[in-house]
Amino acid sequence: MTHNPDPYLPPPRFQWPDGKRCAVMICFDVDGETTALSEDPALATRMTTMSQCEYGPTIGVPRLLGLIDYLDVPATFFIPSYIAQHHPRMTQAIVSSGHEIGAHGHLHEKLNTLTPAEEKAILEKSLGILEEVSGTTIEGFRAPWFEINPGTPDLLVEHNLLYNASMMSDDVPFQHPNGLVEIPGQWLLEDWEQFAFNADPAWGFIPEDCDKVFQLWWQEFMAMRDFGCCFVLTLHPWLSGRPSRVRLLERLIREIQATGDAWFCRGKELAQWVREHPDYRREINFDVLPS
């Protein structure tokens, strides 16, 4: 039997602008000090632990912002409103560079620990602070820890949000019954699993080598490009703002740009495209396909 060297290429999952084969959304979750404070407010006195978290807003964001501006790549920054309050100039610098600000709780609260009333109050508080500090209208939301509650989609629509970026049930966007656009991600394309480490409290494992992580992310991008998917990369500036990891991101973005057929977009642009072109989505779930 003769081996077929051509890869399996099914029809693309979504039709992207200008004939592009893959959508690419670069996300930064600027958790900063809330990484520790949301776990235990008493960690505020743990100076080394807190300093590692502070590295994100003070060093990581400026460095990463410099890179993506140099490469002319748009990005979406999901920021807890506590961080926007305590780092207003950082938040405004992101906006000045033309990037998007998305909501990410106030103190990076785990939504499953909240009552519906508490979740609503935190969303309203965070939106108010973010819009005041950034001077922009917030259109997107990512739940801390990616976990939402059954009532979260309706709550987001009630507050005029266009999209959510918290679920993992697909590799292209879809719409909830209420019209909210979902931009799904996956743990594979997260830097926490690759680089996070703290001794006490214990976070993460042994930080990975950047070459290994590049191969992990690059192979997923190339396969998603073959399948016509949406590549959503989620990075934390206190992790990916370290010098070698900035070089990793530069290498990855340059390689993606070199393909010539990736659509780099902010969350709001991606969600608007999905909302305007619902028929561009190719459904493959047997349980929802018409018989």
C-alpha atoms as a PDB file:
ATOM      1  CA  MET A   1       0.000   0.000   0.000  1.00  0.00           C
ATOM      2  CA  THR A   2       1.363   3.426  -0.973  1.00  0.00           C
ATOM      3  CA  HIS A   3       1.582   5.949   1.844  1.00  0.00           C
ATOM      4  CA  ASN A   4      -0.284   9.193   1.160  1.00  0.00           C
ATOM      5  CA  PRO A   5       2.015  12.073   2.242  1.00  0.00           C
ATOM      6  CA  ASP A   6      -0.800  14.647   2.190  1.00  0.00           C
ATOM      7  CA  PRO A   7      -2.358  15.394   5.574  1.00  0.00           C
ATOM      8  CA  TYR A   8      -6.015  14.953   6.346  1.00  0.00           C
ATOM      9  CA  LEU A   9      -7.627  18.314   5.592  1.00  0.00           C
ATOM     10  CA  PRO A  10     -11.349  18.540   6.336  1.00  0.00           C
ATOM     11  CA  PRO A  11     -13.352  21.638   5.380  1.00  0.00           C
ATOM     12  CA  PRO A  12     -12.479  24.585   7.661  1.00  0.00           C
ATOM     13  CA  ARG A  13     -14.516  24.992  10.823  1.00  0.00           C
ATOM     14  CA  PHE A  14     -15.060  28.684  10.127  1.00  0.00           C
ATOM     15  CA  GLN A  15     -14.621  31.104   7.240  1.00  0.00           C
ATOM     16  CA  TRP A  16     -12.296  33.917   8.286  1.00  0.00           C
ATOM     17  CA  PRO A  17     -11.849  37.393   6.740  1.00  0.00           C
ATOM     18  CA  ASP A  18      -9.908  37.823   3.494  1.00  0.00           C
ATOM     19  CA  GLY A  19      -9.607  34.094   2.977  1.00  0.00           C
ATOM     20  CA  LYS A  20      -7.412  33.593   6.044  1.00  0.00           C
ATOM     21  CA  ARG A  21      -7.139  29.993   7.222  1.00  0.00           C
ATOM     22  CA  CYS A  22      -6.959  30.570  10.982  1.00  0.00           C
ATOM     23  CA  ALA A  23      -7.972  33.237  13.485  1.00  0.00           C
ATOM     24  CA  VAL A  24      -5.384  34.163  16.143  1.00  0.00           C
ATOM     25  CA  MET A  25      -6.321  35.898  19.394  1.00  0.00           C
ATOM     26  CA  ILE A  26      -3.433  36.762  21.704  1.00  0.00           C
ATOM     27  CA  CYS A  27      -4.697  37.237  25.274  1.00  0.00           C
ATOM     28  CA  PHE A  28      -2.951  38.499  28.378  1.00  0.00           C
ATOM     29  CA  ASP A  29      -4.583  37.834  31.756  1.00  0.00           C
ATOM     30  CA  VAL A  30      -3.034  40.591  33.867  1.00  0.00           C
ATOM     31  CA  ASP A  31      -3.788  39.013  37.240  1.00  0.00           C
ATOM     32  CA  GLY A  32      -0.867  40.694  39.004  1.00  0.00           C
ATOM     33  CA  GLU A  33      -1.232  40.849  42.765  1.00  0.00           C
ATOM     34  CA  THR A  34      -4.683  39.248  42.632  1.00  0.00           C
ATOM     35  CA  THR A  35      -2.972  35.940  41.848  1.00  0.00           C
ATOM     36  CA  ALA A  36      -2.072  35.807  45.541  1.00  0.00           C
ATOM     37  CA  LEU A  37      -4.727  38.014  47.130  1.00  0.00           C
ATOM     38  CA  SER A  38      -7.634  36.050  45.671  1.00  0.00           C
ATOM     39  CA  GLU A  39      -6.236  32.902  47.257  1.00  0.00           C
ATOM     40  CA  ASP A  40      -5.568  34.406  50.692  1.00  0.00           C
ATOM     41  CA  PRO A  41      -5.589  38.117  51.632  1.00  0.00           C
ATOM     42  CA  ALA A  42      -2.995  37.301  54.314  1.00  0.00           C
ATOM     43  CA  LEU A  43      -0.477  36.748  51.517  1.00  0.00           C
ATOM     44  CA  ALA A  44      -0.257  40.548  51.243  1.00  0.00           C
ATOM     45  CA  THR A  45       2.475  40.390  53.897  1.00  0.00           C
ATOM     46  CA  ARG A  46       4.472  37.746  52.019  1.00  0.00           C
ATOM     47  CA  MET A  47       6.815  40.114  50.251  1.00  0.00           C
ATOM     48  CA  THR A  48       8.566  37.668  47.919  1.00  0.00           C
ATOM     49  CA  THR A  49       5.347  35.997  46.803  1.00  0.00           C
ATOM     50  CA  MET A  50       3.734  39.382  46.210  1.00  0.00           C
ATOM     51  CA  SER A  51       6.778  40.690  44.356  1.00  0.00           C
ATOM     52  CA  GLN A  52       6.576  37.789  41.898  1.00  0.00           C
ATOM     53  CA  CYS A  53       2.947  38.720  41.163  1.00  0.00           C
ATOM     54  CA  GLU A  54       3.769  42.444  40.902  1.00  0.00           C
ATOM     55  CA  TYR A  55       6.328  41.643  38.206  1.00  0.00           C
ATOM     56  CA  GLY A  56       3.432  41.217  35.787  1.00  0.00           C
ATOM     57  CA  PRO A  57       1.983  44.743  35.765  1.00  0.00           C
ATOM     58  CA  THR A  58       5.278  46.551  36.417  1.00  0.00           C
ATOM     59  CA  ILE A  59       7.767  44.697  34.218  1.00  0.00           C
ATOM     60  CA  GLY A  60       5.935  42.056  32.189  1.00  0.00           C
ATOM     61  CA  VAL A  61       3.228  44.218  30.633  1.00  0.00           C
ATOM     62  CA  PRO A  62       5.566  47.021  29.432  1.00  0.00           C
ATOM     63  CA  ARG A  63       7.933  44.449  27.949  1.00  0.00           C
ATOM     64  CA  LEU A  64       5.195  42.442  26.225  1.00  0.00           C
ATOM     65  CA  LEU A  65       3.467  45.600  25.044  1.00  0.00           C
ATOM     66  CA  GLY A  66       6.715  46.695  23.445  1.00  0.00           C
ATOM     67  CA  LEU A  67       6.994  43.393  21.614  1.00  0.00           C
ATOM     68  CA  ILE A  68       3.470  43.192  20.210  1.00  0.00           C
ATOM     69  CA  ASP A  69       3.539  46.859  19.215  1.00  0.00           C
ATOM     70  CA  TYR A  70       6.831  46.261  17.396  1.00  0.00           C
ATOM     71  CA  LEU A  71       5.346  43.240  15.619  1.00  0.00           C
ATOM     72  CA  ASP A  72       2.115  45.167  14.908  1.00  0.00           C
ATOM     73  CA  VAL A  73      -0.083  42.518  16.510  1.00  0.00           C
ATOM     74  CA  PRO A  74      -3.370  43.408  18.264  1.00  0.00           C
ATOM     75  CA  ALA A  75      -4.109  41.810  21.623  1.00  0.00           C
ATOM     76  CA  THR A  76      -6.755  41.589  24.325  1.00  0.00           C
ATOM     77  CA  PHE A  77      -5.837  42.214  27.966  1.00  0.00           C
ATOM     78  CA  PHE A  78      -8.214  40.765  30.561  1.00  0.00           C
ATOM     79  CA  ILE A  79      -7.634  42.766  33.735  1.00  0.00           C
ATOM     80  CA  PRO A  80      -9.126  42.390  37.230  1.00  0.00           C
ATOM     81  CA  SER A  81     -10.426  45.823  38.162  1.00  0.00           C
ATOM     82  CA  TYR A  82      -8.313  45.780  41.356  1.00  0.00           C
ATOM     83  CA  ILE A  83      -5.259  45.744  39.091  1.00  0.00           C
ATOM     84  CA  ALA A  84      -6.607  48.595  36.961  1.00  0.00           C
ATOM     85  CA  GLN A  85      -7.132  50.638  40.129  1.00  0.00           C
ATOM     86  CA  HIS A  86      -3.618  50.013  41.384  1.00  0.00           C
ATOM     87  CA  HIS A  87      -1.908  50.253  37.987  1.00  0.00           C
ATOM     88  CA  PRO A  88      -3.907  52.911  36.107  1.00  0.00           C
ATOM     89  CA  ARG A  89      -1.068  54.093  33.882  1.00  0.00           C
ATOM     90  CA  MET A  90      -0.344  50.530  32.810  1.00  0.00           C
ATOM     91  CA  THR A  91      -4.021  50.116  31.899  1.00  0.00           C
ATOM     92  CA  GLN A  92      -4.062  53.376  29.974  1.00  0.00           C
ATOM     93  CA  ALA A  93      -0.836  52.464  28.146  1.00  0.00           C
ATOM     94  CA  ILE A  94      -2.523  49.319  26.846  1.00  0.00           C
ATOM     95  CA  VAL A  95      -5.427  51.375  25.506  1.00  0.00           C
ATOM     96  CA  SER A  96      -3.103  54.006  24.022  1.00  0.00           C
ATOM     97  CA  SER A  97      -1.394  51.255  22.042  1.00  0.00           C
ATOM     98  CA  GLY A  98      -4.726  50.269  20.489  1.00  0.00           C
ATOM     99  CA  HIS A  99      -5.316  47.046  22.372  1.00  0.00           C
ATOM    100  CA  GLU A 100      -8.513  45.836  23.995  1.00  0.00           C
ATOM    101  CA  ILE A 101      -9.350  45.720  27.699  1.00  0.00           C
ATOM    102  CA  GLY A 102     -11.622  42.917  28.873  1.00  0.00           C
ATOM    103  CA  ALA A 103     -13.228  42.255  32.272  1.00  0.00           C
ATOM    104  CA  HIS A 104     -11.715  39.627  34.558  1.00  0.00           C
ATOM    105  CA  GLY A 105     -13.420  40.027  37.924  1.00  0.00           C
ATOM    106  CA  HIS A 106     -12.350  42.491  40.596  1.00  0.00           C
ATOM    107  CA  LEU A 107     -10.014  40.423  42.767  1.00  0.00           C
ATOM    108  CA  HIS A 108      -9.888  37.409  40.427  1.00  0.00           C
ATOM    109  CA  GLU A 109     -12.770  35.794  42.304  1.00  0.00           C
ATOM    110  CA  LYS A 110     -13.763  32.200  41.609  1.00  0.00           C
ATOM    111  CA  LEU A 111     -17.329  32.554  40.345  1.00  0.00           C
ATOM    112  CA  ASN A 112     -18.405  29.151  41.653  1.00  0.00           C
ATOM    113  CA  THR A 113     -17.925  30.452  45.208  1.00  0.00           C
ATOM    114  CA  LEU A 114     -20.337  33.361  44.671  1.00  0.00           C
ATOM    115  CA  THR A 115     -24.094  33.702  44.902  1.00  0.00           C
ATOM    116  CA  PRO A 116     -25.848  35.166  41.817  1.00  0.00           C
ATOM    117  CA  ALA A 117     -26.205  38.482  43.669  1.00  0.00           C
ATOM    118  CA  GLU A 118     -22.508  38.537  44.559  1.00  0.00           C
ATOM    119  CA  GLU A 119     -21.490  37.682  41.014  1.00  0.00           C
ATOM    120  CA  LYS A 120     -23.670  40.506  39.652  1.00  0.00           C
ATOM    121  CA  ALA A 121     -22.277  43.022  42.139  1.00  0.00           C
ATOM    122  CA  ILE A 122     -18.688  42.124  41.281  1.00  0.00           C
ATOM    123  CA  LEU A 123     -19.341  42.328  37.542  1.00  0.00           C
ATOM    124  CA  GLU A 124     -20.935  45.758  37.891  1.00  0.00           C
ATOM    125  CA  LYS A 125     -18.110  46.975  40.129  1.00  0.00           C
ATOM    126  CA  SER A 126     -15.409  45.701  37.797  1.00  0.00           C
ATOM    127  CA  LEU A 127     -17.016  47.118  34.649  1.00  0.00           C
ATOM    128  CA  GLY A 128     -17.420  50.505  36.288  1.00  0.00           C
ATOM    129  CA  ILE A 129     -13.799  50.664  37.399  1.00  0.00           C
ATOM    130  CA  LEU A 130     -12.376  49.377  34.119  1.00  0.00           C
ATOM    131  CA  GLU A 131     -14.375  51.802  32.021  1.00  0.00           C
ATOM    132  CA  GLU A 132     -13.463  54.726  34.265  1.00  0.00           C
ATOM    133  CA  VAL A 133      -9.736  53.921  34.304  1.00  0.00           C
ATOM    134  CA  SER A 134      -9.413  52.902  30.649  1.00  0.00           C
ATOM    135  CA  GLY A 135     -11.852  55.376  29.128  1.00  0.00           C
ATOM    136  CA  THR A 136     -13.232  52.587  26.933  1.00  0.00           C
ATOM    137  CA  THR A 137     -16.412  50.539  26.749  1.00  0.00           C
ATOM    138  CA  ILE A 138     -15.793  46.979  27.896  1.00  0.00           C
ATOM    139  CA  GLU A 139     -17.170  44.392  25.462  1.00  0.00           C
ATOM    140  CA  GLY A 140     -15.531  41.132  26.561  1.00  0.00           C
ATOM    141  CA  PHE A 141     -15.250  39.000  29.677  1.00  0.00           C
ATOM    142  CA  ARG A 142     -13.065  36.140  30.813  1.00  0.00           C
ATOM    143  CA  ALA A 143     -13.935  34.410  34.061  1.00  0.00           C
ATOM    144  CA  PRO A 144     -11.092  33.970  36.538  1.00  0.00           C
ATOM    145  CA  TRP A 145      -9.884  30.364  36.340  1.00  0.00           C
ATOM    146  CA  PHE A 146     -12.060  30.094  33.175  1.00  0.00           C
ATOM    147  CA  GLU A 147     -14.998  28.884  35.318  1.00  0.00           C
ATOM    148  CA  ILE A 148     -18.463  30.376  34.791  1.00  0.00           C
ATOM    149  CA  ASN A 149     -21.806  29.616  36.423  1.00  0.00           C
ATOM    150  CA  PRO A 150     -25.020  28.563  34.615  1.00  0.00           C
ATOM    151  CA  GLY A 151     -26.375  32.102  34.927  1.00  0.00           C
ATOM    152  CA  THR A 152     -23.217  33.892  33.789  1.00  0.00           C
ATOM    153  CA  PRO A 153     -24.075  34.150  30.052  1.00  0.00           C
ATOM    154  CA  ASP A 154     -27.403  35.863  30.784  1.00  0.00           C
ATOM    155  CA  LEU A 155     -25.708  38.163  33.294  1.00  0.00           C
ATOM    156  CA  LEU A 156     -23.154  39.226  30.686  1.00  0.00           C
ATOM    157  CA  VAL A 157     -25.834  39.977  28.106  1.00  0.00           C
ATOM    158  CA  GLU A 158     -27.805  41.982  30.683  1.00  0.00           C
ATOM    159  CA  HIS A 159     -24.710  44.164  31.046  1.00  0.00           C
ATOM    160  CA  ASN A 160     -24.287  44.634  27.278  1.00  0.00           C
ATOM    161  CA  LEU A 161     -21.197  42.485  26.880  1.00  0.00           C
ATOM    162  CA  LEU A 162     -20.572  41.099  23.396  1.00  0.00           C
ATOM    163  CA  TYR A 163     -18.575  38.001  24.221  1.00  0.00           C
ATOM    164  CA  ASN A 164     -17.291  35.581  26.832  1.00  0.00           C
ATOM    165  CA  ALA A 165     -13.893  33.850  26.576  1.00  0.00           C
ATOM    166  CA  SER A 166     -14.113  31.226  29.299  1.00  0.00           C
ATOM    167  CA  MET A 167     -15.390  27.904  27.944  1.00  0.00           C
ATOM    168  CA  MET A 168     -13.519  25.039  26.279  1.00  0.00           C
ATOM    169  CA  SER A 169     -16.167  23.079  24.373  1.00  0.00           C
ATOM    170  CA  ASP A 170     -14.989  23.951  20.856  1.00  0.00           C
ATOM    171  CA  ASP A 171     -12.048  25.293  18.882  1.00  0.00           C
ATOM    172  CA  VAL A 172     -14.026  27.953  17.005  1.00  0.00           C
ATOM    173  CA  PRO A 173     -16.410  30.545  18.442  1.00  0.00           C
ATOM    174  CA  PHE A 174     -20.110  29.896  18.836  1.00  0.00           C
ATOM    175  CA  GLN A 175     -23.161  31.755  20.114  1.00  0.00           C
ATOM    176  CA  HIS A 176     -25.096  31.018  23.275  1.00  0.00           C
ATOM    177  CA  PRO A 177     -28.904  30.860  22.940  1.00  0.00           C
ATOM    178  CA  ASN A 178     -29.088  34.483  24.160  1.00  0.00           C
ATOM    179  CA  GLY A 179     -26.736  35.692  21.404  1.00  0.00           C
ATOM    180  CA  LEU A 180     -23.607  36.020  23.555  1.00  0.00           C
ATOM    181  CA  VAL A 181     -20.560  35.014  21.523  1.00  0.00           C
ATOM    182  CA  GLU A 182     -18.298  32.440  23.139  1.00  0.00           C
ATOM    183  CA  ILE A 183     -14.591  32.433  22.209  1.00  0.00           C
ATOM    184  CA  PRO A 184     -13.353  29.125  23.615  1.00  0.00           C
ATOM    185  CA  GLY A 185      -9.831  28.456  24.795  1.00  0.00           C
ATOM    186  CA  GLN A 186      -7.966  25.437  26.116  1.00  0.00           C
ATOM    187  CA  TRP A 187      -5.408  24.625  28.821  1.00  0.00           C
ATOM    188  CA  LEU A 188      -2.919  23.518  26.152  1.00  0.00           C
ATOM    189  CA  LEU A 189      -2.560  27.136  25.001  1.00  0.00           C
ATOM    190  CA  GLU A 190      -1.979  28.559  28.486  1.00  0.00           C
ATOM    191  CA  ASP A 191       1.377  29.540  29.986  1.00  0.00           C
ATOM    192  CA  TRP A 192       0.421  28.736  33.612  1.00  0.00           C
ATOM    193  CA  GLU A 193       0.701  24.987  32.968  1.00  0.00           C
ATOM    194  CA  GLN A 194       4.123  25.522  31.396  1.00  0.00           C
ATOM    195  CA  PHE A 195       5.820  28.128  33.564  1.00  0.00           C
ATOM    196  CA  ALA A 196       4.055  28.750  36.875  1.00  0.00           C
ATOM    197  CA  PHE A 197       5.952  27.966  40.056  1.00  0.00           C
ATOM    198  CA  ASN A 198       5.804  29.174  43.642  1.00  0.00           C
ATOM    199  CA  ALA A 199       7.080  27.267  46.655  1.00  0.00           C
ATOM    200  CA  ASP A 200       4.511  28.302  49.268  1.00  0.00           C
ATOM    201  CA  PRO A 201       1.666  28.488  48.473  1.00  0.00           C
ATOM    202  CA  ALA A 202       2.464  25.773  45.968  1.00  0.00           C
ATOM    203  CA  TRP A 203       1.691  26.898  42.429  1.00  0.00           C
ATOM    204  CA  GLY A 204       2.611  24.966  39.332  1.00  0.00           C
ATOM    205  CA  PHE A 205       5.407  22.480  38.789  1.00  0.00           C
ATOM    206  CA  ILE A 206       8.903  22.647  37.312  1.00  0.00           C
ATOM    207  CA  PRO A 207       9.027  25.453  34.698  1.00  0.00           C
ATOM    208  CA  GLU A 208       9.348  24.078  31.176  1.00  0.00           C
ATOM    209  CA  ASP A 209      11.993  24.775  28.573  1.00  0.00           C
ATOM    210  CA  CYS A 210      10.977  27.437  26.050  1.00  0.00           C
ATOM    211  CA  ASP A 211      11.880  25.278  23.048  1.00  0.00           C
ATOM    212  CA  LYS A 212       9.551  22.542  24.250  1.00  0.00           C
ATOM    213  CA  VAL A 213       6.741  25.065  24.778  1.00  0.00           C
ATOM    214  CA  PHE A 214       7.320  26.586  21.345  1.00  0.00           C
ATOM    215  CA  GLN A 215       6.908  23.169  19.744  1.00  0.00           C
ATOM    216  CA  LEU A 216       3.761  22.521  21.774  1.00  0.00           C
ATOM    217  CA  TRP A 217       2.125  25.794  20.713  1.00  0.00           C
ATOM    218  CA  TRP A 218       3.466  25.814  17.157  1.00  0.00           C
ATOM    219  CA  GLN A 219       2.224  22.310  16.416  1.00  0.00           C
ATOM    220  CA  GLU A 220      -1.218  23.218  17.745  1.00  0.00           C
ATOM    221  CA  PHE A 221      -1.300  26.366  15.623  1.00  0.00           C
ATOM    222  CA  MET A 222      -0.306  24.510  12.458  1.00  0.00           C
ATOM    223  CA  ALA A 223      -2.956  21.847  13.023  1.00  0.00           C
ATOM    224  CA  MET A 224      -5.595  24.459  13.855  1.00  0.00           C
ATOM    225  CA  ARG A 225      -4.604  26.240  10.654  1.00  0.00           C
ATOM    226  CA  ASP A 226      -5.183  22.998   8.725  1.00  0.00           C
ATOM    227  CA  PHE A 227      -8.603  22.577  10.358  1.00  0.00           C
ATOM    228  CA  GLY A 228      -9.650  26.236  10.012  1.00  0.00           C
ATOM    229  CA  CYS A 229      -9.871  26.859  13.754  1.00  0.00           C
ATOM    230  CA  CYS A 230      -9.371  29.752  16.171  1.00  0.00           C
ATOM    231  CA  PHE A 231      -6.016  29.835  17.991  1.00  0.00           C
ATOM    232  CA  VAL A 232      -6.526  31.513  21.393  1.00  0.00           C
ATOM    233  CA  LEU A 233      -3.247  31.908  23.311  1.00  0.00           C
ATOM    234  CA  THR A 234      -3.558  32.943  26.964  1.00  0.00           C
ATOM    235  CA  LEU A 235      -0.525  34.401  28.716  1.00  0.00           C
ATOM    236  CA  HIS A 236       0.116  35.907  32.155  1.00  0.00           C
ATOM    237  CA  PRO A 237       2.619  38.784  32.200  1.00  0.00           C
ATOM    238  CA  TRP A 238       4.176  37.662  35.505  1.00  0.00           C
ATOM    239  CA  LEU A 239       5.089  34.427  33.705  1.00  0.00           C
ATOM    240  CA  SER A 240       5.471  35.272  30.023  1.00  0.00           C
ATOM    241  CA  GLY A 241       7.011  38.686  30.687  1.00  0.00           C
ATOM    242  CA  ARG A 242      10.298  37.016  31.688  1.00  0.00           C
ATOM    243  CA  PRO A 243      12.965  37.673  29.025  1.00  0.00           C
ATOM    244  CA  SER A 244      13.358  34.175  27.565  1.00  0.00           C
ATOM    245  CA  ARG A 245       9.589  33.807  27.327  1.00  0.00           C
ATOM    246  CA  VAL A 246       9.227  37.141  25.557  1.00  0.00           C
ATOM    247  CA  ARG A 247      11.654  35.735  22.990  1.00  0.00           C
ATOM    248  CA  LEU A 248       9.490  32.603  22.827  1.00  0.00           C
ATOM    249  CA  LEU A 249       6.414  34.704  22.057  1.00  0.00           C
ATOM    250  CA  GLU A 250       8.340  36.723  19.474  1.00  0.00           C
ATOM    251  CA  ARG A 251       9.445  33.524  17.750  1.00  0.00           C
ATOM    252  CA  LEU A 252       5.920  32.135  17.748  1.00  0.00           C
ATOM    253  CA  ILE A 253       4.293  35.304  16.409  1.00  0.00           C
ATOM    254  CA  ARG A 254       6.907  35.725  13.688  1.00  0.00           C
ATOM    255  CA  GLU A 255       6.412  32.135  12.540  1.00  0.00           C
ATOM    256  CA  ILE A 256       2.627  32.579  12.491  1.00  0.00           C
ATOM    257  CA  GLN A 257       2.960  35.849  10.569  1.00  0.00           C
ATOM    258  CA  ALA A 258       5.245  34.135   8.059  1.00  0.00           C
ATOM    259  CA  THR A 259       2.454  31.748   7.035  1.00  0.00           C
ATOM    260  CA  GLY A 260       0.633  34.755   5.586  1.00  0.00           C
ATOM    261  CA  ASP A 261      -2.813  33.323   6.247  1.00  0.00           C
ATOM    262  CA  ALA A 262      -3.528  33.973   9.933  1.00  0.00           C
ATOM    263  CA  TRP A 263      -6.009  36.655  11.010  1.00  0.00           C
ATOM    264  CA  PHE A 264      -4.716  38.377  14.169  1.00  0.00           C
ATOM    265  CA  CYS A 265      -7.634  39.971  15.979  1.00  0.00           C
ATOM    266  CA  ARG A 266      -8.875  41.363  19.267  1.00  0.00           C
ATOM    267  CA  GLY A 267     -11.707  39.594  21.013  1.00  0.00           C
ATOM    268  CA  LYS A 268     -14.286  42.213  20.082  1.00  0.00           C
ATOM    269  CA  GLU A 269     -13.404  41.997  16.375  1.00  0.00           C
ATOM    270  CA  LEU A 270     -13.561  38.232  16.447  1.00  0.00           C
ATOM    271  CA  ALA A 271     -16.908  38.241  18.245  1.00  0.00           C
ATOM    272  CA  GLN A 272     -18.364  40.792  15.847  1.00  0.00           C
ATOM    273  CA  TRP A 273     -17.290  38.673  12.863  1.00  0.00           C
ATOM    274  CA  VAL A 274     -18.989  35.636  14.378  1.00  0.00           C
ATOM    275  CA  ARG A 275     -22.171  37.557  15.130  1.00  0.00           C
ATOM    276  CA  GLU A 276     -22.323  39.022  11.622  1.00  0.00           C
ATOM    277  CA  HIS A 277     -21.588  35.682   9.900  1.00  0.00           C
ATOM    278  CA  PRO A 278     -23.215  32.861  11.884  1.00  0.00           C
ATOM    279  CA  ASP A 279     -23.532  30.812   8.686  1.00  0.00           C
ATOM    280  CA  TYR A 280     -19.736  30.752   8.321  1.00  0.00           C
ATOM    281  CA  ARG A 281     -19.482  28.222  11.132  1.00  0.00           C
ATOM    282  CA  ARG A 282     -19.295  24.561  10.093  1.00  0.00           C
ATOM    283  CA  GLU A 283     -20.995  22.329  12.664  1.00  0.00           C
ATOM    284  CA  ILE A 284     -19.536  18.849  13.186  1.00  0.00           C
ATOM    285  CA  ASN A 285     -21.327  17.756  16.375  1.00  0.00           C
ATOM    286  CA  PHE A 286     -23.522  14.798  15.373  1.00  0.00           C
ATOM    287  CA  ASP A 287     -25.977  15.549  18.182  1.00  0.00           C
ATOM    288  CA  VAL A 288     -26.846  18.990  16.827  1.00  0.00           C
ATOM    289  CA  LEU A 289     -26.647  18.311  13.103  1.00  0.00           C
ATOM    290  CA  PRO A 290     -30.024  18.080  11.326  1.00  0.00           C
ATOM    291  CA  SER A 291     -30.974  14.474  10.626  1.00  0.00           C
END
